[in-house]
Amino acid sequence: MTLQVGAAERCVRAAERAFDAVFGLAANPLRQLGALAFWLLWIVVASGFWVYALYDTSVAGAWTSVQAMTEEQPLGAGLMRSLHRYASDGFVLASLAHLLREALLGRFRRFRWFSWVSGVPLLWLTTVCGLVGYWMVWDERALYIGGAALEWTAALPGVDFGVVRNFIDADAITDRFFSLLSFLHIGVPLLLLLGLWAHLLRLARPQTQPHRALATGTLATLVIGALAWPATSQPVADLARVPAAVPIDWFYLAALPAADHLPRATWLVLLGGIVGTPGRVVLSAAILRVSSGASEALAAASFARTTSGPSRRSACASSSSAAAWSASTIRASSSSSSRSDPT
């Protein structure tokens, strides 16, 4: 295990040195992946406020309002929509790279176990944010996401398949439904921010801001990509028709195609990868703590046994010397008093 961790760490350091030669030491993204993820998250939040201000939370206006951003305001709301989309993908990519780097460096042991356990489940919240965001567009891709996600959820024990039938029922899709999606798209990121605060709680010097050159370069790259390839919508969702094919955002929707064919197996893989690893870390930490406590207790008992004999002997010798010193002092005082007596 030590050799594997050492080899993995050498690979990470070699990649960092290679990126140093391209970006420089200060602007190397591999050395500040966590801070880069924070920067991308702030871009997502800022652009999301702009998009939400123009979003229509109604069945008839949801798709139309989003499409109008791209067609009628390509350099305003359309740019913010594309920036929101690409920064969200970048946030997922930076978070996964940060997770992989920390795992290869073995930074999930000892005092870092809390940051690992609190950070890995945040990927679930990030995925939920992306799913709800795509759902709000209300195009054919949103229709596929809604049906696939609910069918995948219905594969869990105790979940009624009726939720899927309610979703594909036209009478169930009302303006309140889109108001609920808007609430979720704001509330879940707030939970994500709370989780990130807990993620940094045990770190002495957390780095949450990337170097200025890296931050500026990242923002410029996103803006250029948003202008060159603006985010677009699929045709408006039609509950009476099932789309034959839809494009997939592999950063957020990668699990849905697998869940279409093997829903329970996909749940087991994701739960085993995200929940199992922190569980093993917590269990290992508990075992190490118990074993270290037992070792300290055994060491203390052994020390007490080895030092109990000499300590008793030294105590007896001290008491004997003290008694001898007292006796000699009494004899000396009595003899001096007898010499000084005139009678």
C-alpha atoms as a PDB file:
ATOM      1  CA  MET A   1       0.000   0.000   0.000  1.00  0.00           C
ATOM      2  CA  THR A   2       2.869   2.361   0.808  1.00  0.00           C
ATOM      3  CA  LEU A   3       4.467   1.717  -2.567  1.00  0.00           C
ATOM      4  CA  GLN A   4       1.189   2.388  -4.383  1.00  0.00           C
ATOM      5  CA  VAL A   5       0.656   5.673  -2.554  1.00  0.00           C
ATOM      6  CA  GLY A   6       4.261   6.673  -3.229  1.00  0.00           C
ATOM      7  CA  ALA A   7       3.922   5.920  -6.953  1.00  0.00           C
ATOM      8  CA  ALA A   8       0.639   7.844  -7.137  1.00  0.00           C
ATOM      9  CA  GLU A   9       2.184  10.825  -5.387  1.00  0.00           C
ATOM     10  CA  ARG A  10       5.139  10.790  -7.756  1.00  0.00           C
ATOM     11  CA  CYS A  11       2.744  10.850 -10.725  1.00  0.00           C
ATOM     12  CA  VAL A  12       0.872  13.819  -9.262  1.00  0.00           C
ATOM     13  CA  ARG A  13       4.073  15.745  -8.600  1.00  0.00           C
ATOM     14  CA  ALA A  14       5.345  14.998 -12.109  1.00  0.00           C
ATOM     15  CA  ALA A  15       2.093  16.340 -13.607  1.00  0.00           C
ATOM     16  CA  GLU A  16       2.355  19.458 -11.438  1.00  0.00           C
ATOM     17  CA  ARG A  17       5.916  20.109 -12.628  1.00  0.00           C
ATOM     18  CA  ALA A  18       4.790  19.683 -16.240  1.00  0.00           C
ATOM     19  CA  PHE A  19       1.998  22.225 -15.702  1.00  0.00           C
ATOM     20  CA  ASP A  20       4.483  24.554 -13.977  1.00  0.00           C
ATOM     21  CA  ALA A  21       6.418  24.722 -17.226  1.00  0.00           C
ATOM     22  CA  VAL A  22       3.267  25.782 -19.119  1.00  0.00           C
ATOM     23  CA  PHE A  23       1.361  28.003 -16.672  1.00  0.00           C
ATOM     24  CA  GLY A  24       4.042  28.964 -14.185  1.00  0.00           C
ATOM     25  CA  LEU A  25       4.194  28.030 -10.536  1.00  0.00           C
ATOM     26  CA  ALA A  26       1.753  30.699  -9.324  1.00  0.00           C
ATOM     27  CA  ALA A  27      -0.937  30.055 -11.965  1.00  0.00           C
ATOM     28  CA  ASN A  28      -0.711  26.255 -12.060  1.00  0.00           C
ATOM     29  CA  PRO A  29      -4.315  24.976 -11.877  1.00  0.00           C
ATOM     30  CA  LEU A  30      -3.261  21.553 -10.545  1.00  0.00           C
ATOM     31  CA  ARG A  31      -1.832  23.158  -7.415  1.00  0.00           C
ATOM     32  CA  GLN A  32      -5.045  25.061  -6.593  1.00  0.00           C
ATOM     33  CA  LEU A  33      -7.909  22.920  -7.827  1.00  0.00           C
ATOM     34  CA  GLY A  34     -10.005  23.566  -4.723  1.00  0.00           C
ATOM     35  CA  ALA A  35      -9.637  27.330  -5.063  1.00  0.00           C
ATOM     36  CA  LEU A  36     -10.402  27.077  -8.783  1.00  0.00           C
ATOM     37  CA  ALA A  37     -13.618  25.193  -7.992  1.00  0.00           C
ATOM     38  CA  PHE A  38     -14.634  27.989  -5.597  1.00  0.00           C
ATOM     39  CA  TRP A  39     -13.959  30.618  -8.271  1.00  0.00           C
ATOM     40  CA  LEU A  40     -16.078  28.735 -10.800  1.00  0.00           C
ATOM     41  CA  LEU A  41     -18.853  28.430  -8.235  1.00  0.00           C
ATOM     42  CA  TRP A  42     -18.906  32.207  -7.744  1.00  0.00           C
ATOM     43  CA  ILE A  43     -19.169  32.654 -11.519  1.00  0.00           C
ATOM     44  CA  VAL A  44     -22.096  30.230 -11.538  1.00  0.00           C
ATOM     45  CA  VAL A  45     -23.832  32.148  -8.750  1.00  0.00           C
ATOM     46  CA  ALA A  46     -23.287  35.580 -10.329  1.00  0.00           C
ATOM     47  CA  SER A  47     -24.478  34.518 -13.782  1.00  0.00           C
ATOM     48  CA  GLY A  48     -27.362  32.585 -12.240  1.00  0.00           C
ATOM     49  CA  PHE A  49     -28.779  35.719 -10.631  1.00  0.00           C
ATOM     50  CA  TRP A  50     -28.905  37.397 -14.054  1.00  0.00           C
ATOM     51  CA  VAL A  51     -30.599  34.409 -15.689  1.00  0.00           C
ATOM     52  CA  TYR A  52     -33.098  33.977 -12.875  1.00  0.00           C
ATOM     53  CA  ALA A  53     -34.142  37.636 -13.111  1.00  0.00           C
ATOM     54  CA  LEU A  54     -35.423  36.980 -16.655  1.00  0.00           C
ATOM     55  CA  TYR A  55     -36.783  33.474 -16.108  1.00  0.00           C
ATOM     56  CA  ASP A  56     -40.548  32.941 -16.325  1.00  0.00           C
ATOM     57  CA  THR A  57     -41.763  30.378 -13.772  1.00  0.00           C
ATOM     58  CA  SER A  58     -44.752  29.158 -15.768  1.00  0.00           C
ATOM     59  CA  VAL A  59     -45.541  26.254 -18.062  1.00  0.00           C
ATOM     60  CA  ALA A  60     -46.087  28.501 -21.049  1.00  0.00           C
ATOM     61  CA  GLY A  61     -43.215  30.889 -20.381  1.00  0.00           C
ATOM     62  CA  ALA A  62     -40.355  28.714 -19.087  1.00  0.00           C
ATOM     63  CA  TRP A  63     -38.995  27.554 -22.443  1.00  0.00           C
ATOM     64  CA  THR A  64     -39.828  30.842 -24.171  1.00  0.00           C
ATOM     65  CA  SER A  65     -38.031  33.002 -21.614  1.00  0.00           C
ATOM     66  CA  VAL A  66     -34.864  30.883 -21.726  1.00  0.00           C
ATOM     67  CA  GLN A  67     -34.851  30.764 -25.524  1.00  0.00           C
ATOM     68  CA  ALA A  68     -35.324  34.533 -25.722  1.00  0.00           C
ATOM     69  CA  MET A  69     -32.137  35.065 -23.718  1.00  0.00           C
ATOM     70  CA  THR A  70     -30.074  33.428 -26.446  1.00  0.00           C
ATOM     71  CA  GLU A  71     -31.928  34.797 -29.466  1.00  0.00           C
ATOM     72  CA  GLU A  72     -32.799  38.341 -28.375  1.00  0.00           C
ATOM     73  CA  GLN A  73     -29.885  39.179 -26.019  1.00  0.00           C
ATOM     74  CA  PRO A  74     -26.867  37.238 -27.266  1.00  0.00           C
ATOM     75  CA  LEU A  75     -24.377  39.618 -25.603  1.00  0.00           C
ATOM     76  CA  GLY A  76     -26.393  40.093 -22.416  1.00  0.00           C
ATOM     77  CA  ALA A  77     -28.606  37.413 -20.929  1.00  0.00           C
ATOM     78  CA  GLY A  78     -27.559  34.947 -23.632  1.00  0.00           C
ATOM     79  CA  LEU A  79     -23.911  35.372 -22.639  1.00  0.00           C
ATOM     80  CA  MET A  80     -24.815  34.961 -18.974  1.00  0.00           C
ATOM     81  CA  ARG A  81     -26.779  31.796 -19.754  1.00  0.00           C
ATOM     82  CA  SER A  82     -23.840  30.271 -21.635  1.00  0.00           C
ATOM     83  CA  LEU A  83     -21.426  31.386 -18.915  1.00  0.00           C
ATOM     84  CA  HIS A  84     -23.703  29.787 -16.325  1.00  0.00           C
ATOM     85  CA  ARG A  85     -23.690  26.540 -18.274  1.00  0.00           C
ATOM     86  CA  TYR A  86     -19.954  26.295 -18.938  1.00  0.00           C
ATOM     87  CA  ALA A  87     -18.923  27.474 -15.470  1.00  0.00           C
ATOM     88  CA  SER A  88     -21.167  24.761 -13.998  1.00  0.00           C
ATOM     89  CA  ASP A  89     -19.414  22.128 -16.101  1.00  0.00           C
ATOM     90  CA  GLY A  90     -16.066  23.571 -15.066  1.00  0.00           C
ATOM     91  CA  PHE A  91     -17.053  23.406 -11.412  1.00  0.00           C
ATOM     92  CA  VAL A  92     -17.806  19.693 -11.725  1.00  0.00           C
ATOM     93  CA  LEU A  93     -14.552  19.068 -13.608  1.00  0.00           C
ATOM     94  CA  ALA A  94     -12.447  20.997 -11.068  1.00  0.00           C
ATOM     95  CA  SER A  95     -14.178  19.256  -8.152  1.00  0.00           C
ATOM     96  CA  LEU A  96     -13.573  15.799  -9.612  1.00  0.00           C
ATOM     97  CA  ALA A  97      -9.936  16.650 -10.365  1.00  0.00           C
ATOM     98  CA  HIS A  98      -9.518  17.992  -6.822  1.00  0.00           C
ATOM     99  CA  LEU A  99     -11.044  14.801  -5.416  1.00  0.00           C
ATOM    100  CA  LEU A 100      -8.755  12.610  -7.525  1.00  0.00           C
ATOM    101  CA  ARG A 101      -5.656  14.586  -6.570  1.00  0.00           C
ATOM    102  CA  GLU A 102      -6.387  14.420  -2.854  1.00  0.00           C
ATOM    103  CA  ALA A 103      -7.089  10.691  -3.104  1.00  0.00           C
ATOM    104  CA  LEU A 104      -3.830  10.002  -4.951  1.00  0.00           C
ATOM    105  CA  LEU A 105      -1.898  12.017  -2.379  1.00  0.00           C
ATOM    106  CA  GLY A 106      -3.554  10.062   0.435  1.00  0.00           C
ATOM    107  CA  ARG A 107      -5.091  13.145   2.004  1.00  0.00           C
ATOM    108  CA  PHE A 108      -8.027  11.386   3.587  1.00  0.00           C
ATOM    109  CA  ARG A 109      -6.247   9.972   6.622  1.00  0.00           C
ATOM    110  CA  ARG A 110      -5.665  11.254  10.161  1.00  0.00           C
ATOM    111  CA  PHE A 111      -6.853  14.837  10.697  1.00  0.00           C
ATOM    112  CA  ARG A 112      -7.941  15.168   7.035  1.00  0.00           C
ATOM    113  CA  TRP A 113     -10.643  12.513   7.299  1.00  0.00           C
ATOM    114  CA  PHE A 114     -13.300  15.106   8.182  1.00  0.00           C
ATOM    115  CA  SER A 115     -12.604  17.207   5.080  1.00  0.00           C
ATOM    116  CA  TRP A 116     -12.773  14.085   2.931  1.00  0.00           C
ATOM    117  CA  VAL A 117     -16.001  12.788   4.432  1.00  0.00           C
ATOM    118  CA  SER A 118     -17.651  16.217   4.288  1.00  0.00           C
ATOM    119  CA  GLY A 119     -16.441  16.950   0.752  1.00  0.00           C
ATOM    120  CA  VAL A 120     -17.230  13.791  -1.214  1.00  0.00           C
ATOM    121  CA  PRO A 121     -21.026  13.823  -0.621  1.00  0.00           C
ATOM    122  CA  LEU A 122     -21.169  17.384  -1.986  1.00  0.00           C
ATOM    123  CA  LEU A 123     -20.976  15.805  -5.443  1.00  0.00           C
ATOM    124  CA  TRP A 124     -24.546  14.600  -4.876  1.00  0.00           C
ATOM    125  CA  LEU A 125     -25.755  18.143  -4.210  1.00  0.00           C
ATOM    126  CA  THR A 126     -23.884  19.399  -7.265  1.00  0.00           C
ATOM    127  CA  THR A 127     -25.551  16.766  -9.447  1.00  0.00           C
ATOM    128  CA  VAL A 128     -28.989  17.642  -8.088  1.00  0.00           C
ATOM    129  CA  CYS A 129     -28.350  21.323  -8.872  1.00  0.00           C
ATOM    130  CA  GLY A 130     -27.466  20.453 -12.453  1.00  0.00           C
ATOM    131  CA  LEU A 131     -30.479  18.182 -12.942  1.00  0.00           C
ATOM    132  CA  VAL A 132     -32.887  20.809 -11.638  1.00  0.00           C
ATOM    133  CA  GLY A 133     -31.238  23.480 -13.792  1.00  0.00           C
ATOM    134  CA  TYR A 134     -31.704  21.439 -16.948  1.00  0.00           C
ATOM    135  CA  TRP A 135     -35.254  20.639 -15.866  1.00  0.00           C
ATOM    136  CA  MET A 136     -36.125  24.337 -15.673  1.00  0.00           C
ATOM    137  CA  VAL A 137     -35.392  24.856 -19.388  1.00  0.00           C
ATOM    138  CA  TRP A 138     -38.392  22.629 -20.183  1.00  0.00           C
ATOM    139  CA  ASP A 139     -37.221  21.320 -23.531  1.00  0.00           C
ATOM    140  CA  GLU A 140     -37.031  17.748 -24.811  1.00  0.00           C
ATOM    141  CA  ARG A 141     -33.877  17.146 -22.810  1.00  0.00           C
ATOM    142  CA  ALA A 142     -35.668  18.301 -19.658  1.00  0.00           C
ATOM    143  CA  LEU A 143     -38.491  15.888 -20.421  1.00  0.00           C
ATOM    144  CA  TYR A 144     -36.013  13.027 -20.729  1.00  0.00           C
ATOM    145  CA  ILE A 145     -34.175  14.073 -17.557  1.00  0.00           C
ATOM    146  CA  GLY A 146     -37.380  14.231 -15.548  1.00  0.00           C
ATOM    147  CA  GLY A 147     -38.647  10.848 -16.681  1.00  0.00           C
ATOM    148  CA  ALA A 148     -35.277   9.099 -16.420  1.00  0.00           C
ATOM    149  CA  ALA A 149     -34.445  10.546 -12.992  1.00  0.00           C
ATOM    150  CA  LEU A 150     -37.846   9.668 -11.550  1.00  0.00           C
ATOM    151  CA  GLU A 151     -37.775   6.156 -13.013  1.00  0.00           C
ATOM    152  CA  TRP A 152     -34.315   5.744 -11.528  1.00  0.00           C
ATOM    153  CA  THR A 153     -35.623   6.929  -8.153  1.00  0.00           C
ATOM    154  CA  ALA A 154     -38.588   4.564  -8.437  1.00  0.00           C
ATOM    155  CA  ALA A 155     -36.127   1.654  -8.594  1.00  0.00           C
ATOM    156  CA  LEU A 156     -35.276   2.223  -4.927  1.00  0.00           C
ATOM    157  CA  PRO A 157     -37.091   0.033  -2.391  1.00  0.00           C
ATOM    158  CA  GLY A 158     -40.192   1.674  -0.963  1.00  0.00           C
ATOM    159  CA  VAL A 159     -40.555   4.311  -3.713  1.00  0.00           C
ATOM    160  CA  ASP A 160     -43.895   4.305  -5.515  1.00  0.00           C
ATOM    161  CA  PHE A 161     -43.780   4.272  -9.295  1.00  0.00           C
ATOM    162  CA  GLY A 162     -46.745   6.660  -9.277  1.00  0.00           C
ATOM    163  CA  VAL A 163     -44.416   9.656  -9.109  1.00  0.00           C
ATOM    164  CA  VAL A 164     -43.366   8.920 -12.671  1.00  0.00           C
ATOM    165  CA  ARG A 165     -46.966   8.693 -13.861  1.00  0.00           C
ATOM    166  CA  ASN A 166     -47.709  12.019 -12.180  1.00  0.00           C
ATOM    167  CA  PHE A 167     -44.793  13.651 -13.970  1.00  0.00           C
ATOM    168  CA  ILE A 168     -45.831  12.531 -17.449  1.00  0.00           C
ATOM    169  CA  ASP A 169     -49.416  13.613 -16.807  1.00  0.00           C
ATOM    170  CA  ALA A 170     -50.079  16.988 -18.424  1.00  0.00           C
ATOM    171  CA  ASP A 171     -52.495  17.980 -15.658  1.00  0.00           C
ATOM    172  CA  ALA A 172     -49.753  17.612 -13.049  1.00  0.00           C
ATOM    173  CA  ILE A 173     -47.393  20.085 -14.754  1.00  0.00           C
ATOM    174  CA  THR A 174     -48.535  23.491 -13.524  1.00  0.00           C
ATOM    175  CA  ASP A 175     -46.968  26.856 -12.804  1.00  0.00           C
ATOM    176  CA  ARG A 176     -46.413  25.785  -9.200  1.00  0.00           C
ATOM    177  CA  PHE A 177     -44.247  22.964 -10.459  1.00  0.00           C
ATOM    178  CA  PHE A 178     -41.813  25.457 -12.017  1.00  0.00           C
ATOM    179  CA  SER A 179     -41.946  27.591  -8.889  1.00  0.00           C
ATOM    180  CA  LEU A 180     -40.894  24.476  -6.977  1.00  0.00           C
ATOM    181  CA  LEU A 181     -38.024  23.902  -9.415  1.00  0.00           C
ATOM    182  CA  SER A 182     -36.892  27.500  -8.929  1.00  0.00           C
ATOM    183  CA  PHE A 183     -36.976  27.057  -5.163  1.00  0.00           C
ATOM    184  CA  LEU A 184     -34.908  23.874  -5.434  1.00  0.00           C
ATOM    185  CA  HIS A 185     -32.419  25.496  -7.800  1.00  0.00           C
ATOM    186  CA  ILE A 186     -31.782  28.179  -5.183  1.00  0.00           C
ATOM    187  CA  GLY A 187     -32.143  26.094  -2.016  1.00  0.00           C
ATOM    188  CA  VAL A 188     -29.862  23.209  -2.996  1.00  0.00           C
ATOM    189  CA  PRO A 189     -26.905  25.521  -3.806  1.00  0.00           C
ATOM    190  CA  LEU A 190     -27.358  27.111  -0.373  1.00  0.00           C
ATOM    191  CA  LEU A 191     -26.970  23.640   1.140  1.00  0.00           C
ATOM    192  CA  LEU A 192     -23.913  23.205  -1.060  1.00  0.00           C
ATOM    193  CA  LEU A 193     -22.388  26.403   0.342  1.00  0.00           C
ATOM    194  CA  LEU A 194     -23.110  25.198   3.865  1.00  0.00           C
ATOM    195  CA  GLY A 195     -21.416  21.909   3.070  1.00  0.00           C
ATOM    196  CA  LEU A 196     -18.391  23.732   1.664  1.00  0.00           C
ATOM    197  CA  TRP A 197     -18.142  25.742   4.881  1.00  0.00           C
ATOM    198  CA  ALA A 198     -18.097  22.496   6.851  1.00  0.00           C
ATOM    199  CA  HIS A 199     -15.577  21.084   4.362  1.00  0.00           C
ATOM    200  CA  LEU A 200     -13.116  23.869   5.230  1.00  0.00           C
ATOM    201  CA  LEU A 201     -13.845  23.914   8.951  1.00  0.00           C
ATOM    202  CA  ARG A 202     -10.943  21.706  10.055  1.00  0.00           C
ATOM    203  CA  LEU A 203      -8.326  23.181   7.700  1.00  0.00           C
ATOM    204  CA  ALA A 204      -5.860  25.658   9.212  1.00  0.00           C
ATOM    205  CA  ARG A 205      -5.174  27.698   6.041  1.00  0.00           C
ATOM    206  CA  PRO A 206      -7.797  26.862   3.398  1.00  0.00           C
ATOM    207  CA  GLN A 207      -7.190  28.334  -0.047  1.00  0.00           C
ATOM    208  CA  THR A 208     -10.468  29.564  -1.516  1.00  0.00           C
ATOM    209  CA  GLN A 209      -9.189  32.124  -4.032  1.00  0.00           C
ATOM    210  CA  PRO A 210      -6.984  31.157  -6.981  1.00  0.00           C
ATOM    211  CA  HIS A 211      -4.085  33.249  -8.180  1.00  0.00           C
ATOM    212  CA  ARG A 212      -5.161  36.365 -10.058  1.00  0.00           C
ATOM    213  CA  ALA A 213      -3.638  35.159 -13.322  1.00  0.00           C
ATOM    214  CA  LEU A 214      -5.458  31.833 -13.078  1.00  0.00           C
ATOM    215  CA  ALA A 215      -8.768  33.475 -12.146  1.00  0.00           C
ATOM    216  CA  THR A 216      -8.530  35.979 -15.001  1.00  0.00           C
ATOM    217  CA  GLY A 217      -7.517  33.343 -17.526  1.00  0.00           C
ATOM    218  CA  THR A 218     -10.334  31.030 -16.466  1.00  0.00           C
ATOM    219  CA  LEU A 219     -12.957  33.755 -16.771  1.00  0.00           C
ATOM    220  CA  ALA A 220     -11.623  34.847 -20.161  1.00  0.00           C
ATOM    221  CA  THR A 221     -11.681  31.259 -21.422  1.00  0.00           C
ATOM    222  CA  LEU A 222     -15.286  30.835 -20.304  1.00  0.00           C
ATOM    223  CA  VAL A 223     -16.362  34.080 -21.946  1.00  0.00           C
ATOM    224  CA  ILE A 224     -14.678  33.165 -25.233  1.00  0.00           C
ATOM    225  CA  GLY A 225     -16.289  29.722 -25.163  1.00  0.00           C
ATOM    226  CA  ALA A 226     -19.700  31.212 -24.358  1.00  0.00           C
ATOM    227  CA  LEU A 227     -19.441  33.624 -27.290  1.00  0.00           C
ATOM    228  CA  ALA A 228     -18.155  31.006 -29.732  1.00  0.00           C
ATOM    229  CA  TRP A 229     -20.531  28.205 -28.732  1.00  0.00           C
ATOM    230  CA  PRO A 230     -23.591  29.716 -27.012  1.00  0.00           C
ATOM    231  CA  ALA A 231     -25.818  27.443 -24.968  1.00  0.00           C
ATOM    232  CA  THR A 232     -28.995  26.541 -26.818  1.00  0.00           C
ATOM    233  CA  SER A 233     -32.233  24.735 -26.006  1.00  0.00           C
ATOM    234  CA  GLN A 234     -33.805  21.701 -27.586  1.00  0.00           C
ATOM    235  CA  PRO A 235     -37.368  21.915 -28.960  1.00  0.00           C
ATOM    236  CA  VAL A 236     -40.000  22.676 -26.342  1.00  0.00           C
ATOM    237  CA  ALA A 237     -41.140  19.702 -24.258  1.00  0.00           C
ATOM    238  CA  ASP A 238     -44.244  17.916 -25.492  1.00  0.00           C
ATOM    239  CA  LEU A 239     -45.764  15.448 -23.039  1.00  0.00           C
ATOM    240  CA  ALA A 240     -47.667  13.777 -25.883  1.00  0.00           C
ATOM    241  CA  ARG A 241     -44.450  12.846 -27.693  1.00  0.00           C
ATOM    242  CA  VAL A 242     -41.343  11.001 -26.556  1.00  0.00           C
ATOM    243  CA  PRO A 243     -38.103  12.416 -28.044  1.00  0.00           C
ATOM    244  CA  ALA A 244     -36.131   9.912 -30.104  1.00  0.00           C
ATOM    245  CA  ALA A 245     -32.692  11.255 -29.107  1.00  0.00           C
ATOM    246  CA  VAL A 246     -31.411  14.040 -26.879  1.00  0.00           C
ATOM    247  CA  PRO A 247     -27.881  15.402 -26.315  1.00  0.00           C
ATOM    248  CA  ILE A 248     -26.324  14.543 -22.950  1.00  0.00           C
ATOM    249  CA  ASP A 249     -24.204  16.758 -20.723  1.00  0.00           C
ATOM    250  CA  TRP A 250     -21.762  14.136 -19.473  1.00  0.00           C
ATOM    251  CA  PHE A 251     -20.685  16.266 -16.535  1.00  0.00           C
ATOM    252  CA  TYR A 252     -24.129  16.106 -14.902  1.00  0.00           C
ATOM    253  CA  LEU A 253     -26.141  13.458 -16.766  1.00  0.00           C
ATOM    254  CA  ALA A 254     -23.618  10.659 -17.205  1.00  0.00           C
ATOM    255  CA  ALA A 255     -25.475   8.297 -14.854  1.00  0.00           C
ATOM    256  CA  LEU A 256     -28.859   8.544 -16.596  1.00  0.00           C
ATOM    257  CA  PRO A 257     -28.088   6.385 -19.677  1.00  0.00           C
ATOM    258  CA  ALA A 258     -26.758   3.628 -17.415  1.00  0.00           C
ATOM    259  CA  ALA A 259     -29.757   4.007 -15.098  1.00  0.00           C
ATOM    260  CA  ASP A 260     -32.113   3.493 -18.054  1.00  0.00           C
ATOM    261  CA  HIS A 261     -30.868  -0.078 -18.448  1.00  0.00           C
ATOM    262  CA  LEU A 262     -29.517  -1.014 -14.997  1.00  0.00           C
ATOM    263  CA  PRO A 263     -31.104   1.312 -12.419  1.00  0.00           C
ATOM    264  CA  ARG A 264     -30.329  -0.667  -9.259  1.00  0.00           C
ATOM    265  CA  ALA A 265     -26.809  -1.521 -10.352  1.00  0.00           C
ATOM    266  CA  THR A 266     -26.150   2.178 -11.031  1.00  0.00           C
ATOM    267  CA  TRP A 267     -27.390   3.020  -7.524  1.00  0.00           C
ATOM    268  CA  LEU A 268     -25.057   0.408  -6.044  1.00  0.00           C
ATOM    269  CA  VAL A 269     -22.057   1.724  -7.970  1.00  0.00           C
ATOM    270  CA  LEU A 270     -22.667   5.351  -6.997  1.00  0.00           C
ATOM    271  CA  LEU A 271     -23.485   4.590  -3.365  1.00  0.00           C
ATOM    272  CA  GLY A 272     -20.498   2.283  -3.093  1.00  0.00           C
ATOM    273  CA  GLY A 273     -18.144   4.854  -4.579  1.00  0.00           C
ATOM    274  CA  ILE A 274     -19.380   7.957  -2.751  1.00  0.00           C
ATOM    275  CA  VAL A 275     -20.690   6.598   0.556  1.00  0.00           C
ATOM    276  CA  GLY A 276     -18.451   3.539   0.842  1.00  0.00           C
ATOM    277  CA  THR A 277     -15.132   5.368   0.681  1.00  0.00           C
ATOM    278  CA  PRO A 278     -15.903   7.857   3.483  1.00  0.00           C
ATOM    279  CA  GLY A 279     -17.336   5.001   5.504  1.00  0.00           C
ATOM    280  CA  ARG A 280     -14.125   3.061   5.187  1.00  0.00           C
ATOM    281  CA  VAL A 281     -12.138   6.142   6.150  1.00  0.00           C
ATOM    282  CA  VAL A 282     -14.265   6.731   9.260  1.00  0.00           C
ATOM    283  CA  LEU A 283     -14.016   3.073  10.225  1.00  0.00           C
ATOM    284  CA  SER A 284     -10.245   3.105   9.746  1.00  0.00           C
ATOM    285  CA  ALA A 285      -9.952   6.266  11.833  1.00  0.00           C
ATOM    286  CA  ALA A 286     -12.026   4.708  14.601  1.00  0.00           C
ATOM    287  CA  ILE A 287      -9.930   1.542  14.562  1.00  0.00           C
ATOM    288  CA  LEU A 288      -6.700   3.546  14.660  1.00  0.00           C
ATOM    289  CA  ARG A 289      -7.999   5.656  17.526  1.00  0.00           C
ATOM    290  CA  VAL A 290      -9.045   2.611  19.549  1.00  0.00           C
ATOM    291  CA  SER A 291      -5.806   0.781  18.819  1.00  0.00           C
ATOM    292  CA  SER A 292      -3.699   3.829  19.702  1.00  0.00           C
ATOM    293  CA  GLY A 293      -5.639   4.226  22.962  1.00  0.00           C
ATOM    294  CA  ALA A 294      -5.085   0.571  23.827  1.00  0.00           C
ATOM    295  CA  SER A 295      -1.381   0.871  23.004  1.00  0.00           C
ATOM    296  CA  GLU A 296      -1.049   3.902  25.258  1.00  0.00           C
ATOM    297  CA  ALA A 297      -2.802   2.056  28.090  1.00  0.00           C
ATOM    298  CA  LEU A 298      -0.505  -0.968  27.704  1.00  0.00           C
ATOM    299  CA  ALA A 299       2.559   1.264  27.603  1.00  0.00           C
ATOM    300  CA  ALA A 300       1.456   3.055  30.777  1.00  0.00           C
ATOM    301  CA  ALA A 301       0.840  -0.228  32.580  1.00  0.00           C
ATOM    302  CA  SER A 302       4.229  -1.580  31.496  1.00  0.00           C
ATOM    303  CA  PHE A 303       5.951   1.588  32.659  1.00  0.00           C
ATOM    304  CA  ALA A 304       4.207   1.350  36.018  1.00  0.00           C
ATOM    305  CA  ARG A 305       5.339  -2.264  36.478  1.00  0.00           C
ATOM    306  CA  THR A 306       8.928  -1.532  35.592  1.00  0.00           C
ATOM    307  CA  THR A 307       9.171   1.491  37.857  1.00  0.00           C
ATOM    308  CA  SER A 308       7.189   0.232  40.855  1.00  0.00           C
ATOM    309  CA  GLY A 309      10.060  -1.905  42.327  1.00  0.00           C
ATOM    310  CA  PRO A 310      12.838   0.682  42.221  1.00  0.00           C
ATOM    311  CA  SER A 311      10.517   3.369  43.466  1.00  0.00           C
ATOM    312  CA  ARG A 312       9.627   1.341  46.571  1.00  0.00           C
ATOM    313  CA  ARG A 313      13.304   0.608  47.238  1.00  0.00           C
ATOM    314  CA  SER A 314      14.230   4.246  46.814  1.00  0.00           C
ATOM    315  CA  ALA A 315      11.416   5.226  49.158  1.00  0.00           C
ATOM    316  CA  CYS A 316      12.657   2.792  51.834  1.00  0.00           C
ATOM    317  CA  ALA A 317      16.234   4.042  51.457  1.00  0.00           C
ATOM    318  CA  SER A 318      15.055   7.613  51.777  1.00  0.00           C
ATOM    319  CA  SER A 319      13.102   6.859  54.932  1.00  0.00           C
ATOM    320  CA  SER A 320      16.105   5.008  56.461  1.00  0.00           C
ATOM    321  CA  SER A 321      18.471   7.873  55.734  1.00  0.00           C
ATOM    322  CA  ALA A 322      15.997  10.328  57.169  1.00  0.00           C
ATOM    323  CA  ALA A 323      15.701   8.280  60.358  1.00  0.00           C
ATOM    324  CA  ALA A 324      19.486   8.036  60.685  1.00  0.00           C
ATOM    325  CA  TRP A 325      19.842  11.791  60.167  1.00  0.00           C
ATOM    326  CA  SER A 326      17.245  12.445  62.883  1.00  0.00           C
ATOM    327  CA  ALA A 327      18.969  10.139  65.368  1.00  0.00           C
ATOM    328  CA  SER A 328      22.388  11.719  64.795  1.00  0.00           C
ATOM    329  CA  THR A 329      20.900  15.166  65.205  1.00  0.00           C
ATOM    330  CA  ILE A 330      19.313  14.215  68.536  1.00  0.00           C
ATOM    331  CA  ARG A 331      22.583  12.726  69.839  1.00  0.00           C
ATOM    332  CA  ALA A 332      24.550  15.806  68.821  1.00  0.00           C
ATOM    333  CA  SER A 333      22.137  18.178  70.498  1.00  0.00           C
ATOM    334  CA  SER A 334      22.071  16.127  73.717  1.00  0.00           C
ATOM    335  CA  SER A 335      25.884  15.997  73.974  1.00  0.00           C
ATOM    336  CA  SER A 336      26.219  19.735  73.387  1.00  0.00           C
ATOM    337  CA  SER A 337      23.648  20.483  76.028  1.00  0.00           C
ATOM    338  CA  SER A 338      25.450  18.287  78.557  1.00  0.00           C
ATOM    339  CA  ARG A 339      28.755  20.089  77.954  1.00  0.00           C
ATOM    340  CA  SER A 340      27.224  23.493  78.422  1.00  0.00           C
ATOM    341  CA  ASP A 341      25.456  22.624  81.722  1.00  0.00           C
ATOM    342  CA  PRO A 342      27.514  24.231  84.729  1.00  0.00           C
ATOM    343  CA  THR A 343      26.363  21.712  87.200  1.00  0.00           C
END
